[in-house]
Amino acid sequence: MRLAFVTSNPGKLEEAREYLAPLGIEVYQLNVDYPEIQADSLEEVAEYGVGWLAERIGDPFFLDDSGLFIPALNGFPGVYSAYVYRTLGINGILKLMRGIGDRKAYFKSVIAYWDGEIHFFEGRVDGVIVEKPRGSGGFGFDPIFSPTGFDLTFAEMTTMEKNRVSHRGRALRGFATWLKENLK
């Protein structure tokens, strides 16, 4: 089975490919810009994107909306993570975290799959914001996020290691289970 992943992010594409390939699913990139609304939740952003894309794409597809949430910053950057990464970057987040003792954070991912209707799959991983960037792998805020139970940041992990524990890996696991049960 071939399945379109609407993303411009090659890192996300690689994660999805590595996770879904063992199921016989060939994930290909569909690099289509779509509007991302300002909303309070990742689910709202994903739902709007799917609705817009469904009017333009005939075949089933999926997309991912993810965010880094830092409770000490009132959940910031949250749904604005991609924008914050492009504008403030990793160093901007680290600057905001200076002097903050509670460095807890979590990544959340919502995968939205469209096959004539929308299906949502969610994943979350808790961890901490490290003091300085570490690692050269991954993408986005990966160099400053260390998942609970690990001394490594996501950027220090292989894609396979990250997929086992990451928010997107957990969402992909739910998505894959659903696909196995619902596709023939």
N, C-alpha and C. Protein backbone atom coordinates (compact mmCIF):
# COMPACT_ATOMS: atom_id res chain seq x y z
N MET A 1 0.84 -1.18 0.00
CA MET A 1 0.00 0.00 0.00
C MET A 1 0.89 1.24 0.00
N ARG A 2 0.53 2.23 -0.81
CA ARG A 2 1.21 3.53 -0.82
C ARG A 2 0.31 4.52 -0.10
N LEU A 3 0.93 5.36 0.72
CA LEU A 3 0.17 6.31 1.52
C LEU A 3 0.89 7.65 1.56
N ALA A 4 0.17 8.72 1.24
CA ALA A 4 0.74 10.06 1.21
C ALA A 4 0.82 10.65 2.61
N PHE A 5 1.98 11.22 2.93
CA PHE A 5 2.20 11.96 4.16
C PHE A 5 2.38 13.41 3.74
N VAL A 6 1.45 14.26 4.10
CA VAL A 6 1.52 15.68 3.75
C VAL A 6 2.45 16.35 4.76
N THR A 7 3.67 16.62 4.30
CA THR A 7 4.67 17.25 5.15
C THR A 7 5.77 17.85 4.29
N SER A 8 6.36 18.90 4.78
CA SER A 8 7.55 19.46 4.14
C SER A 8 8.80 19.09 4.94
N ASN A 9 8.60 18.35 6.03
CA ASN A 9 9.68 18.03 6.96
C ASN A 9 10.27 16.65 6.65
N PRO A 10 11.50 16.60 6.11
CA PRO A 10 12.09 15.29 5.79
C PRO A 10 12.34 14.42 7.02
N GLY A 11 12.53 15.03 8.18
CA GLY A 11 12.71 14.26 9.41
C GLY A 11 11.45 13.51 9.79
N LYS A 12 10.31 14.19 9.71
CA LYS A 12 9.04 13.52 9.99
C LYS A 12 8.78 12.40 8.99
N LEU A 13 9.10 12.66 7.72
CA LEU A 13 8.90 11.65 6.68
C LEU A 13 9.72 10.40 6.97
N GLU A 14 10.98 10.58 7.35
CA GLU A 14 11.85 9.45 7.66
C GLU A 14 11.31 8.66 8.85
N GLU A 15 10.84 9.34 9.87
CA GLU A 15 10.27 8.65 11.03
C GLU A 15 9.07 7.81 10.62
N ALA A 16 8.17 8.38 9.82
CA ALA A 16 6.98 7.65 9.39
C ALA A 16 7.36 6.45 8.52
N ARG A 17 8.30 6.65 7.61
CA ARG A 17 8.73 5.55 6.74
C ARG A 17 9.30 4.40 7.55
N GLU A 18 10.18 4.71 8.49
CA GLU A 18 10.79 3.65 9.29
C GLU A 18 9.76 2.92 10.14
N TYR A 19 8.75 3.62 10.57
CA TYR A 19 7.75 2.98 11.42
C TYR A 19 6.75 2.15 10.62
N LEU A 20 6.33 2.65 9.46
CA LEU A 20 5.26 1.98 8.71
C LEU A 20 5.77 0.98 7.66
N ALA A 21 7.04 1.08 7.25
CA ALA A 21 7.59 0.16 6.25
C ALA A 21 7.45 -1.31 6.66
N PRO A 22 7.72 -1.68 7.92
CA PRO A 22 7.57 -3.09 8.30
C PRO A 22 6.14 -3.62 8.13
N LEU A 23 5.18 -2.71 8.02
CA LEU A 23 3.79 -3.13 7.81
C LEU A 23 3.45 -3.25 6.33
N GLY A 24 4.45 -3.03 5.47
CA GLY A 24 4.20 -3.08 4.03
C GLY A 24 3.60 -1.81 3.48
N ILE A 25 3.71 -0.72 4.22
CA ILE A 25 3.16 0.57 3.78
C ILE A 25 4.29 1.44 3.29
N GLU A 26 4.21 1.84 2.02
CA GLU A 26 5.19 2.74 1.44
C GLU A 26 4.69 4.17 1.64
N VAL A 27 5.36 4.91 2.48
CA VAL A 27 4.98 6.29 2.77
C VAL A 27 5.73 7.20 1.81
N TYR A 28 4.99 8.04 1.10
CA TYR A 28 5.64 9.01 0.23
C TYR A 28 5.23 10.41 0.64
N GLN A 29 6.12 11.34 0.35
CA GLN A 29 5.91 12.73 0.75
C GLN A 29 5.04 13.45 -0.27
N LEU A 30 4.07 14.17 0.26
CA LEU A 30 3.25 15.06 -0.54
C LEU A 30 3.48 16.45 0.07
N ASN A 31 4.32 17.22 -0.58
CA ASN A 31 4.72 18.52 -0.06
C ASN A 31 3.75 19.58 -0.58
N VAL A 32 2.66 19.76 0.16
CA VAL A 32 1.62 20.72 -0.20
C VAL A 32 1.45 21.69 0.96
N ASP A 33 1.58 22.96 0.69
CA ASP A 33 1.32 23.95 1.73
C ASP A 33 -0.17 24.03 1.99
N TYR A 34 -0.53 24.09 3.23
CA TYR A 34 -1.93 24.26 3.61
C TYR A 34 -1.99 25.22 4.79
N PRO A 35 -3.11 25.90 4.94
CA PRO A 35 -3.19 26.88 6.03
C PRO A 35 -3.22 26.22 7.40
N GLU A 36 -2.45 26.78 8.30
CA GLU A 36 -2.47 26.33 9.70
C GLU A 36 -3.09 27.46 10.52
N ILE A 37 -4.26 27.18 11.03
CA ILE A 37 -4.99 28.20 11.79
C ILE A 37 -4.38 28.40 13.16
N GLN A 38 -4.64 29.55 13.74
CA GLN A 38 -4.29 29.76 15.14
C GLN A 38 -5.41 29.15 15.96
N ALA A 39 -5.05 28.24 16.83
CA ALA A 39 -6.04 27.52 17.62
C ALA A 39 -5.43 27.15 18.97
N ASP A 40 -6.27 26.64 19.84
CA ASP A 40 -5.82 26.27 21.18
C ASP A 40 -5.29 24.85 21.28
N SER A 41 -5.53 24.03 20.26
CA SER A 41 -5.09 22.63 20.35
C SER A 41 -4.55 22.15 19.01
N LEU A 42 -3.67 21.17 19.10
CA LEU A 42 -3.12 20.55 17.90
C LEU A 42 -4.22 19.88 17.09
N GLU A 43 -5.21 19.31 17.77
CA GLU A 43 -6.31 18.64 17.09
C GLU A 43 -7.08 19.61 16.19
N GLU A 44 -7.32 20.82 16.68
CA GLU A 44 -8.04 21.83 15.88
C GLU A 44 -7.24 22.22 14.65
N VAL A 45 -5.93 22.39 14.82
CA VAL A 45 -5.06 22.76 13.70
C VAL A 45 -5.06 21.64 12.66
N ALA A 46 -4.90 20.39 13.11
CA ALA A 46 -4.87 19.24 12.21
C ALA A 46 -6.21 19.06 11.50
N GLU A 47 -7.30 19.21 12.23
CA GLU A 47 -8.62 19.04 11.62
C GLU A 47 -8.87 20.06 10.52
N TYR A 48 -8.49 21.30 10.77
CA TYR A 48 -8.67 22.32 9.75
C TYR A 48 -7.82 22.00 8.52
N GLY A 49 -6.56 21.60 8.75
CA GLY A 49 -5.68 21.25 7.64
C GLY A 49 -6.22 20.10 6.82
N VAL A 50 -6.72 19.07 7.48
CA VAL A 50 -7.29 17.93 6.77
C VAL A 50 -8.51 18.36 5.95
N GLY A 51 -9.37 19.17 6.54
CA GLY A 51 -10.55 19.64 5.81
C GLY A 51 -10.18 20.40 4.54
N TRP A 52 -9.18 21.26 4.65
CA TRP A 52 -8.73 22.05 3.50
C TRP A 52 -8.11 21.14 2.44
N LEU A 53 -7.26 20.21 2.88
CA LEU A 53 -6.58 19.31 1.95
C LEU A 53 -7.54 18.31 1.31
N ALA A 54 -8.54 17.86 2.05
CA ALA A 54 -9.47 16.85 1.54
C ALA A 54 -10.22 17.36 0.31
N GLU A 55 -10.39 18.67 0.23
CA GLU A 55 -11.06 19.25 -0.95
C GLU A 55 -10.14 19.26 -2.17
N ARG A 56 -8.86 19.01 -1.97
CA ARG A 56 -7.88 19.13 -3.05
C ARG A 56 -7.16 17.82 -3.38
N ILE A 57 -7.22 16.84 -2.47
CA ILE A 57 -6.51 15.57 -2.66
C ILE A 57 -7.56 14.46 -2.69
N GLY A 58 -7.50 13.63 -3.70
CA GLY A 58 -8.50 12.58 -3.81
C GLY A 58 -8.20 11.32 -3.02
N ASP A 59 -6.93 10.99 -2.87
CA ASP A 59 -6.54 9.75 -2.22
C ASP A 59 -6.39 9.94 -0.71
N PRO A 60 -6.44 8.85 0.04
CA PRO A 60 -6.18 8.95 1.48
C PRO A 60 -4.79 9.55 1.75
N PHE A 61 -4.68 10.26 2.85
CA PHE A 61 -3.42 10.88 3.24
C PHE A 61 -3.42 11.07 4.75
N PHE A 62 -2.25 11.40 5.28
CA PHE A 62 -2.19 11.77 6.69
C PHE A 62 -1.24 12.94 6.86
N LEU A 63 -1.42 13.63 7.96
CA LEU A 63 -0.54 14.73 8.33
C LEU A 63 -0.29 14.65 9.82
N ASP A 64 0.70 15.38 10.25
CA ASP A 64 1.07 15.39 11.65
C ASP A 64 1.17 16.83 12.11
N ASP A 65 0.61 17.11 13.27
CA ASP A 65 0.85 18.40 13.91
C ASP A 65 1.39 18.09 15.28
N SER A 66 2.54 18.67 15.58
CA SER A 66 3.22 18.38 16.84
C SER A 66 3.63 19.67 17.51
N GLY A 67 3.86 19.56 18.80
CA GLY A 67 4.32 20.74 19.52
C GLY A 67 5.09 20.37 20.77
N LEU A 68 5.94 21.30 21.18
CA LEU A 68 6.68 21.20 22.43
C LEU A 68 5.97 22.08 23.45
N PHE A 69 5.59 21.49 24.57
CA PHE A 69 4.85 22.21 25.61
C PHE A 69 5.70 22.27 26.87
N ILE A 70 5.91 23.48 27.37
CA ILE A 70 6.73 23.69 28.57
C ILE A 70 5.84 24.31 29.65
N PRO A 71 5.42 23.52 30.64
CA PRO A 71 4.51 24.02 31.67
C PRO A 71 5.01 25.29 32.38
N ALA A 72 6.32 25.41 32.64
CA ALA A 72 6.83 26.59 33.33
C ALA A 72 6.67 27.85 32.49
N LEU A 73 6.46 27.67 31.17
CA LEU A 73 6.20 28.81 30.27
C LEU A 73 4.73 28.82 29.84
N ASN A 74 3.87 28.29 30.72
CA ASN A 74 2.43 28.22 30.45
C ASN A 74 2.10 27.47 29.15
N GLY A 75 2.88 26.41 28.89
CA GLY A 75 2.62 25.58 27.72
C GLY A 75 3.29 26.06 26.44
N PHE A 76 3.95 27.20 26.49
CA PHE A 76 4.63 27.76 25.33
C PHE A 76 5.81 26.86 24.96
N PRO A 77 6.12 26.65 23.69
CA PRO A 77 5.52 27.22 22.50
C PRO A 77 4.26 26.49 22.02
N GLY A 78 4.02 25.24 22.45
CA GLY A 78 2.77 24.54 22.16
C GLY A 78 2.41 24.50 20.69
N VAL A 79 1.19 24.93 20.37
CA VAL A 79 0.71 24.87 18.99
C VAL A 79 1.50 25.79 18.06
N TYR A 80 2.30 26.67 18.62
CA TYR A 80 3.10 27.61 17.82
C TYR A 80 4.55 27.15 17.67
N SER A 81 4.83 25.89 17.96
CA SER A 81 6.20 25.38 17.98
C SER A 81 6.95 25.59 16.68
N ALA A 82 6.35 25.30 15.55
CA ALA A 82 7.06 25.46 14.27
C ALA A 82 7.43 26.93 14.04
N TYR A 83 6.49 27.81 14.31
CA TYR A 83 6.75 29.25 14.16
C TYR A 83 7.84 29.71 15.13
N VAL A 84 7.74 29.28 16.37
CA VAL A 84 8.72 29.67 17.38
C VAL A 84 10.10 29.12 17.01
N TYR A 85 10.15 27.91 16.50
CA TYR A 85 11.44 27.35 16.08
C TYR A 85 12.05 28.20 14.97
N ARG A 86 11.23 28.59 13.99
CA ARG A 86 11.73 29.40 12.87
C ARG A 86 12.15 30.80 13.32
N THR A 87 11.49 31.36 14.31
CA THR A 87 11.77 32.74 14.70
C THR A 87 12.72 32.88 15.89
N LEU A 88 12.48 32.13 16.95
CA LEU A 88 13.33 32.21 18.14
C LEU A 88 14.42 31.14 18.15
N GLY A 89 14.08 29.98 17.60
CA GLY A 89 15.03 28.87 17.56
C GLY A 89 15.27 28.24 18.92
N ILE A 90 16.17 27.30 18.92
CA ILE A 90 16.53 26.58 20.13
C ILE A 90 17.10 27.54 21.18
N ASN A 91 17.99 28.42 20.74
CA ASN A 91 18.62 29.34 21.69
C ASN A 91 17.61 30.29 22.31
N GLY A 92 16.58 30.65 21.56
CA GLY A 92 15.52 31.50 22.12
C GLY A 92 14.78 30.81 23.25
N ILE A 93 14.48 29.54 23.07
CA ILE A 93 13.81 28.77 24.13
C ILE A 93 14.74 28.64 25.34
N LEU A 94 16.01 28.34 25.09
CA LEU A 94 16.95 28.23 26.20
C LEU A 94 17.09 29.55 26.96
N LYS A 95 17.03 30.65 26.24
CA LYS A 95 17.09 31.97 26.89
C LYS A 95 15.86 32.18 27.77
N LEU A 96 14.70 31.80 27.28
CA LEU A 96 13.47 31.92 28.07
C LEU A 96 13.52 31.03 29.32
N MET A 97 14.25 29.93 29.25
CA MET A 97 14.33 28.99 30.36
C MET A 97 15.40 29.35 31.40
N ARG A 98 16.21 30.37 31.12
CA ARG A 98 17.25 30.77 32.08
C ARG A 98 16.63 31.09 33.43
N GLY A 99 17.21 30.52 34.46
CA GLY A 99 16.74 30.80 35.81
C GLY A 99 15.51 30.02 36.22
N ILE A 100 14.96 29.20 35.35
CA ILE A 100 13.77 28.41 35.67
C ILE A 100 14.23 27.03 36.12
N GLY A 101 13.89 26.67 37.34
CA GLY A 101 14.29 25.39 37.90
C GLY A 101 13.49 24.22 37.36
N ASP A 102 12.20 24.43 37.15
CA ASP A 102 11.33 23.37 36.65
C ASP A 102 11.47 23.30 35.14
N ARG A 103 12.23 22.33 34.67
CA ARG A 103 12.52 22.23 33.24
C ARG A 103 11.69 21.14 32.55
N LYS A 104 10.62 20.70 33.23
CA LYS A 104 9.75 19.68 32.64
C LYS A 104 9.14 20.21 31.34
N ALA A 105 8.96 19.28 30.41
CA ALA A 105 8.36 19.61 29.12
C ALA A 105 7.77 18.33 28.54
N TYR A 106 6.95 18.48 27.53
CA TYR A 106 6.49 17.30 26.81
C TYR A 106 6.26 17.66 25.35
N PHE A 107 6.45 16.66 24.52
CA PHE A 107 6.11 16.75 23.12
C PHE A 107 4.78 16.02 22.93
N LYS A 108 3.93 16.59 22.10
CA LYS A 108 2.67 15.95 21.76
C LYS A 108 2.54 15.95 20.24
N SER A 109 2.03 14.87 19.72
CA SER A 109 1.82 14.72 18.28
C SER A 109 0.39 14.27 18.03
N VAL A 110 -0.22 14.86 17.01
CA VAL A 110 -1.53 14.42 16.55
C VAL A 110 -1.40 14.07 15.08
N ILE A 111 -1.64 12.81 14.76
CA ILE A 111 -1.69 12.38 13.37
C ILE A 111 -3.15 12.37 12.97
N ALA A 112 -3.43 13.01 11.85
CA ALA A 112 -4.78 13.04 11.31
C ALA A 112 -4.75 12.30 9.97
N TYR A 113 -5.54 11.24 9.86
CA TYR A 113 -5.62 10.43 8.65
C TYR A 113 -6.98 10.67 8.01
N TRP A 114 -6.96 10.89 6.69
CA TRP A 114 -8.22 11.12 5.96
C TRP A 114 -8.40 10.05 4.91
N ASP A 115 -9.54 9.39 4.96
CA ASP A 115 -9.90 8.38 3.97
C ASP A 115 -11.37 8.56 3.58
N GLY A 116 -11.81 9.82 3.60
CA GLY A 116 -13.22 10.14 3.42
C GLY A 116 -13.81 10.65 4.72
N GLU A 117 -13.15 10.31 5.81
CA GLU A 117 -13.45 10.87 7.13
C GLU A 117 -12.14 11.01 7.88
N ILE A 118 -12.15 11.78 8.97
CA ILE A 118 -10.92 12.05 9.71
C ILE A 118 -10.80 11.08 10.89
N HIS A 119 -9.59 10.57 11.06
CA HIS A 119 -9.25 9.71 12.19
C HIS A 119 -8.04 10.32 12.87
N PHE A 120 -8.07 10.45 14.20
CA PHE A 120 -6.98 11.06 14.95
C PHE A 120 -6.24 10.02 15.78
N PHE A 121 -4.91 10.20 15.86
CA PHE A 121 -4.05 9.33 16.65
C PHE A 121 -3.08 10.24 17.40
N GLU A 122 -3.02 10.09 18.70
CA GLU A 122 -2.25 11.01 19.53
C GLU A 122 -1.12 10.29 20.25
N GLY A 123 -0.03 11.00 20.42
CA GLY A 123 1.09 10.48 21.19
C GLY A 123 1.71 11.60 22.01
N ARG A 124 2.24 11.24 23.16
CA ARG A 124 2.87 12.22 24.05
C ARG A 124 4.07 11.57 24.72
N VAL A 125 5.11 12.35 24.90
CA VAL A 125 6.28 11.90 25.65
C VAL A 125 6.71 13.04 26.57
N ASP A 126 6.91 12.68 27.84
CA ASP A 126 7.35 13.65 28.83
C ASP A 126 8.87 13.64 28.92
N GLY A 127 9.43 14.75 29.37
CA GLY A 127 10.87 14.84 29.53
C GLY A 127 11.25 16.18 30.12
N VAL A 128 12.46 16.63 29.80
CA VAL A 128 12.97 17.90 30.31
C VAL A 128 13.71 18.65 29.20
N ILE A 129 13.80 19.96 29.39
CA ILE A 129 14.61 20.80 28.53
C ILE A 129 16.02 20.82 29.14
N VAL A 130 17.00 20.38 28.36
CA VAL A 130 18.38 20.34 28.85
C VAL A 130 18.97 21.75 28.83
N GLU A 131 20.11 21.91 29.48
CA GLU A 131 20.74 23.23 29.62
C GLU A 131 21.30 23.78 28.32
N LYS A 132 21.83 22.90 27.47
CA LYS A 132 22.39 23.36 26.19
C LYS A 132 22.17 22.27 25.14
N PRO A 133 22.12 22.65 23.86
CA PRO A 133 21.85 21.69 22.79
C PRO A 133 22.89 20.57 22.76
N ARG A 134 22.37 19.34 22.47
CA ARG A 134 23.24 18.17 22.36
C ARG A 134 22.76 17.30 21.21
N GLY A 135 23.69 16.87 20.38
CA GLY A 135 23.38 15.95 19.30
C GLY A 135 23.17 16.65 17.98
N SER A 136 23.32 15.86 16.92
CA SER A 136 23.19 16.42 15.57
C SER A 136 22.09 15.76 14.76
N GLY A 137 21.40 14.79 15.34
CA GLY A 137 20.33 14.11 14.62
C GLY A 137 19.00 14.81 14.85
N GLY A 138 17.97 14.20 14.32
CA GLY A 138 16.62 14.74 14.53
C GLY A 138 16.42 16.08 13.85
N PHE A 139 15.49 16.85 14.39
CA PHE A 139 15.15 18.14 13.81
C PHE A 139 14.41 18.95 14.86
N GLY A 140 14.18 20.20 14.56
CA GLY A 140 13.43 21.06 15.46
C GLY A 140 14.09 21.19 16.82
N PHE A 141 13.28 21.02 17.86
CA PHE A 141 13.76 21.17 19.23
C PHE A 141 14.42 19.91 19.80
N ASP A 142 14.66 18.90 18.96
CA ASP A 142 15.25 17.64 19.42
C ASP A 142 16.55 17.81 20.21
N PRO A 143 17.44 18.75 19.85
CA PRO A 143 18.70 18.87 20.61
C PRO A 143 18.55 19.36 22.05
N ILE A 144 17.38 19.88 22.43
CA ILE A 144 17.22 20.38 23.80
C ILE A 144 16.19 19.60 24.61
N PHE A 145 15.67 18.51 24.05
CA PHE A 145 14.65 17.71 24.75
C PHE A 145 15.19 16.33 25.06
N SER A 146 15.16 15.97 26.35
CA SER A 146 15.57 14.65 26.80
C SER A 146 14.35 13.95 27.40
N PRO A 147 13.91 12.83 26.80
CA PRO A 147 12.74 12.13 27.33
C PRO A 147 13.01 11.50 28.69
N THR A 148 11.99 11.43 29.51
CA THR A 148 12.09 10.82 30.83
C THR A 148 12.68 9.41 30.73
N GLY A 149 13.65 9.14 31.59
CA GLY A 149 14.27 7.82 31.62
C GLY A 149 15.50 7.69 30.73
N PHE A 150 15.87 8.76 30.04
CA PHE A 150 17.02 8.74 29.14
C PHE A 150 17.98 9.87 29.47
N ASP A 151 19.27 9.63 29.26
CA ASP A 151 20.28 10.67 29.41
C ASP A 151 20.53 11.37 28.08
N LEU A 152 19.98 10.83 27.00
CA LEU A 152 20.18 11.37 25.66
C LEU A 152 19.06 12.35 25.30
N THR A 153 19.38 13.30 24.43
CA THR A 153 18.34 14.12 23.81
C THR A 153 17.84 13.35 22.59
N PHE A 154 16.70 13.79 22.05
CA PHE A 154 16.22 13.17 20.81
C PHE A 154 17.26 13.29 19.70
N ALA A 155 18.02 14.38 19.66
CA ALA A 155 19.02 14.60 18.62
C ALA A 155 20.22 13.68 18.77
N GLU A 156 20.37 13.04 19.92
CA GLU A 156 21.46 12.08 20.13
C GLU A 156 21.02 10.65 19.85
N MET A 157 19.76 10.45 19.56
CA MET A 157 19.21 9.11 19.30
C MET A 157 19.14 8.84 17.80
N THR A 158 19.18 7.56 17.44
CA THR A 158 18.89 7.19 16.06
C THR A 158 17.39 7.35 15.83
N THR A 159 16.99 7.36 14.58
CA THR A 159 15.55 7.46 14.26
C THR A 159 14.80 6.30 14.90
N MET A 160 15.38 5.11 14.86
CA MET A 160 14.71 3.94 15.43
C MET A 160 14.56 4.08 16.95
N GLU A 161 15.62 4.55 17.61
CA GLU A 161 15.55 4.74 19.06
C GLU A 161 14.50 5.80 19.41
N LYS A 162 14.53 6.89 18.68
CA LYS A 162 13.58 7.97 18.94
C LYS A 162 12.14 7.50 18.71
N ASN A 163 11.92 6.77 17.61
CA ASN A 163 10.57 6.29 17.31
C ASN A 163 9.98 5.41 18.42
N ARG A 164 10.84 4.67 19.11
CA ARG A 164 10.35 3.78 20.17
C ARG A 164 9.73 4.56 21.33
N VAL A 165 10.21 5.78 21.57
CA VAL A 165 9.75 6.52 22.75
C VAL A 165 9.08 7.85 22.44
N SER A 166 9.20 8.32 21.20
CA SER A 166 8.74 9.68 20.90
C SER A 166 7.23 9.80 20.81
N HIS A 167 6.78 11.02 20.89
CA HIS A 167 5.38 11.37 20.72
C HIS A 167 4.87 10.93 19.36
N ARG A 168 5.65 11.18 18.31
CA ARG A 168 5.22 10.80 16.97
C ARG A 168 5.24 9.28 16.82
N GLY A 169 6.25 8.63 17.41
CA GLY A 169 6.29 7.17 17.38
C GLY A 169 5.07 6.56 18.04
N ARG A 170 4.65 7.14 19.15
CA ARG A 170 3.45 6.64 19.84
C ARG A 170 2.20 6.88 19.01
N ALA A 171 2.11 8.04 18.37
CA ALA A 171 0.96 8.31 17.50
C ALA A 171 1.00 7.37 16.29
N LEU A 172 2.19 7.16 15.73
CA LEU A 172 2.33 6.23 14.60
C LEU A 172 1.96 4.81 14.99
N ARG A 173 2.30 4.42 16.21
CA ARG A 173 1.94 3.07 16.69
C ARG A 173 0.42 2.90 16.72
N GLY A 174 -0.30 3.90 17.23
CA GLY A 174 -1.76 3.85 17.24
C GLY A 174 -2.32 3.85 15.83
N PHE A 175 -1.73 4.65 14.96
CA PHE A 175 -2.15 4.73 13.56
C PHE A 175 -1.93 3.38 12.88
N ALA A 176 -0.76 2.78 13.08
CA ALA A 176 -0.45 1.50 12.46
C ALA A 176 -1.39 0.40 12.94
N THR A 177 -1.69 0.39 14.22
CA THR A 177 -2.63 -0.60 14.76
C THR A 177 -4.00 -0.44 14.11
N TRP A 178 -4.44 0.79 13.99
CA TRP A 178 -5.73 1.06 13.36
C TRP A 178 -5.72 0.63 11.90
N LEU A 179 -4.64 0.96 11.17
CA LEU A 179 -4.54 0.57 9.76
C LEU A 179 -4.62 -0.94 9.60
N LYS A 180 -3.90 -1.70 10.45
CA LYS A 180 -3.93 -3.16 10.37
C LYS A 180 -5.33 -3.70 10.56
N GLU A 181 -6.08 -3.09 11.47
CA GLU A 181 -7.43 -3.56 11.77
C GLU A 181 -8.48 -3.12 10.76
N ASN A 182 -8.22 -2.02 10.04
CA ASN A 182 -9.25 -1.45 9.19
C ASN A 182 -8.99 -1.49 7.70
N LEU A 183 -7.77 -1.84 7.28
CA LEU A 183 -7.47 -1.94 5.86
C LEU A 183 -7.32 -3.39 5.48
N LYS A 184 -7.77 -3.69 4.29
CA LYS A 184 -7.65 -5.09 3.82
C LYS A 184 -6.54 -5.21 2.83
